Protein backbone atom coordinates (compact mmCIF):
# COMPACT_ATOMS: atom_id res chain seq x y z
CA MET A 1 0.00 0.00 0.00
CA SER A 2 1.44 3.36 -0.95
CA PRO A 3 1.64 6.08 1.75
CA SER A 4 -0.94 8.23 -0.05
CA GLU A 5 -3.47 5.42 -0.58
CA PRO A 6 -6.60 5.77 1.59
CA TRP A 7 -7.26 3.23 4.32
CA GLU A 8 -9.85 2.56 6.99
CA TYR A 9 -10.03 0.44 10.15
CA ALA A 10 -12.87 -0.31 12.56
CA LEU A 11 -12.61 -1.87 16.00
CA HIS A 12 -15.81 -2.98 17.74
CA ILE A 13 -15.44 -2.48 21.47
CA PRO A 14 -17.21 -3.78 24.56
CA GLN A 15 -18.81 -1.62 27.23
CA GLU A 16 -15.95 -1.76 29.73
CA ALA A 17 -13.19 0.54 30.94
CA ARG A 18 -10.39 -1.54 29.34
CA ALA A 19 -11.78 -0.66 25.91
CA VAL A 20 -10.12 2.75 26.11
CA THR A 21 -6.65 1.24 26.65
CA VAL A 22 -7.17 -1.25 23.82
CA CYS A 23 -8.20 1.59 21.50
CA ARG A 24 -5.21 3.75 22.44
CA ARG A 25 -2.78 0.92 21.72
CA THR A 26 -4.56 0.01 18.49
CA VAL A 27 -4.35 3.62 17.24
CA ARG A 28 -0.61 3.77 17.96
CA LEU A 29 0.01 0.46 16.20
CA ILE A 30 -1.97 1.42 13.08
CA LEU A 31 -0.30 4.82 12.81
CA THR A 32 3.14 3.28 13.30
CA LEU A 33 2.50 0.73 10.56
CA HIS A 34 1.38 3.50 8.20
CA GLY A 35 4.36 5.78 8.92
CA LEU A 36 2.29 8.33 10.86
CA ILE A 37 3.94 7.91 14.27
CA ARG A 38 4.26 11.71 14.60
CA LEU A 39 0.47 11.84 15.02
CA ALA A 40 0.27 8.99 17.53
CA ASP A 41 0.31 10.97 20.79
CA VAL A 42 -2.46 13.36 19.78
CA ALA A 43 -4.43 10.66 17.95
CA GLU A 44 -4.29 8.39 21.01
CA LEU A 45 -5.59 11.18 23.23
CA LEU A 46 -8.43 12.01 20.83
CA ALA A 47 -9.42 8.37 20.34
CA ALA A 48 -9.38 7.80 24.10
CA GLU A 49 -11.66 10.77 24.72
CA LEU A 50 -14.16 9.76 22.01
CA VAL A 51 -14.21 6.10 23.04
CA SER A 52 -14.39 6.97 26.73
CA ASN A 53 -17.51 9.03 26.07
CA ALA A 54 -19.07 6.21 24.07
CA VAL A 55 -18.37 3.66 26.80
CA ARG A 56 -19.25 5.82 29.82
CA HIS A 57 -22.32 7.63 28.59
CA THR A 58 -24.12 5.04 26.45
CA LYS A 59 -25.29 1.46 26.65
CA GLY A 60 -24.84 -1.15 23.99
CA PRO A 61 -22.30 -1.60 21.23
CA ALA A 62 -19.63 0.92 20.27
CA ALA A 63 -16.80 1.11 17.74
CA LEU A 64 -13.62 3.05 17.04
CA LYS A 65 -13.02 4.00 13.43
CA LEU A 66 -9.81 5.32 11.85
CA ARG A 67 -9.59 6.56 8.29
CA ARG A 68 -6.90 8.30 6.27
CA ARG A 69 -7.92 9.96 3.05
CA ASP A 70 -6.68 13.03 1.18
CA GLY A 71 -4.03 13.81 3.79
CA VAL A 72 -6.50 13.76 6.71
CA LEU A 73 -6.69 11.28 9.56
CA ARG A 74 -10.27 10.90 10.83
CA ILE A 75 -10.79 9.37 14.25
CA GLY A 76 -14.35 8.50 15.14
CA ALA A 77 -16.43 6.69 17.70
CA TRP A 78 -19.80 5.18 16.97
CA ASP A 79 -22.24 4.33 19.75
CA ALA A 80 -25.84 3.21 19.88
CA SER A 81 -27.20 6.35 21.55
CA PRO A 82 -28.82 8.99 19.34
CA VAL A 83 -28.27 11.68 22.00
CA PRO A 84 -25.99 14.43 20.63
CA PRO A 85 -22.71 15.15 22.39
CA PRO A 86 -22.77 18.30 24.55
CA TYR A 87 -21.17 21.17 22.65
CA ASP A 88 -20.53 23.91 25.19
CA LEU A 89 -20.30 22.45 28.64
CA PRO A 90 -18.12 24.61 30.90
CA VAL A 91 -14.96 22.90 32.17
CA ALA A 92 -13.81 23.78 35.66
CA ALA A 93 -10.10 24.46 36.13
CA GLY A 94 -8.40 21.29 37.34
CA ALA A 95 -11.39 19.09 36.49
CA GLU A 96 -10.51 15.46 35.90
CA ALA A 97 -13.83 14.60 34.27
CA GLY A 98 -16.04 16.33 31.74
CA ARG A 99 -13.19 17.72 29.65
CA GLY A 100 -13.21 15.17 26.82
CA LEU A 101 -14.86 17.23 24.09
CA PHE A 102 -12.97 20.32 25.27
CA LEU A 103 -9.73 18.41 24.54
CA VAL A 104 -11.08 17.22 21.19
CA ARG A 105 -11.97 20.79 20.18
CA ALA A 106 -8.56 22.05 21.34
CA CYS A 107 -6.40 19.37 19.69
CA ALA A 108 -8.20 18.45 16.47
CA ASP A 109 -8.26 20.43 13.24
CA ASP A 110 -12.01 19.84 12.96
CA TRP A 111 -14.68 17.79 14.72
CA GLY A 112 -18.36 17.06 14.60
CA TRP A 113 -21.02 14.43 14.88
CA HIS A 114 -23.98 13.08 13.00
CA PRO A 115 -26.82 10.68 13.76
CA LEU A 116 -26.75 7.25 12.15
CA ARG A 117 -29.76 5.35 10.87
CA GLN A 118 -28.40 3.22 8.06
CA GLY A 119 -27.57 -0.41 7.46
CA GLY A 120 -29.08 -1.47 10.76
CA ASP A 121 -26.88 0.95 12.72
CA ILE A 122 -28.58 3.51 14.91
CA GLY A 123 -26.96 5.99 17.20
CA LYS A 124 -24.35 8.60 16.47
CA TYR A 125 -20.87 9.00 15.05
CA VAL A 126 -18.60 11.55 16.75
CA TRP A 127 -15.45 12.32 14.79
CA CYS A 128 -12.40 14.55 14.66
CA ASP A 129 -9.77 15.21 11.99
CA LEU A 130 -6.02 15.65 12.08
CA ALA A 131 -4.00 16.82 9.10
CA ALA A 132 -1.84 13.82 8.23
CA ALA A 133 -0.16 15.10 5.07
């Protein structure tokens, strides 16, 4: 596979705290194999925040998705809840919880979400992009 060829991975994850660690390590491995190790630290953080939200705040299945296309790395988390992510929750200084989407907004080049109702999947997909060129 050439470095500029698009690729995509999906990892279905259980509803348990260890899922976040598995996702972080999977992101690092995939980026290393594709020569994108320079993005690994930030990508791991972003994936952990998205997956953590999916595992903590929803019930049912969830998945981590990674995609590289046109020089952009997209990190996304799918979960079975149709409830939108909170956009503008205030984050208290020194808070150890509730800062996930704040970190995503601060570290990613772009982010968003959309509801899913296709192919049997319901819920939402929360994503963020990093320039990978």
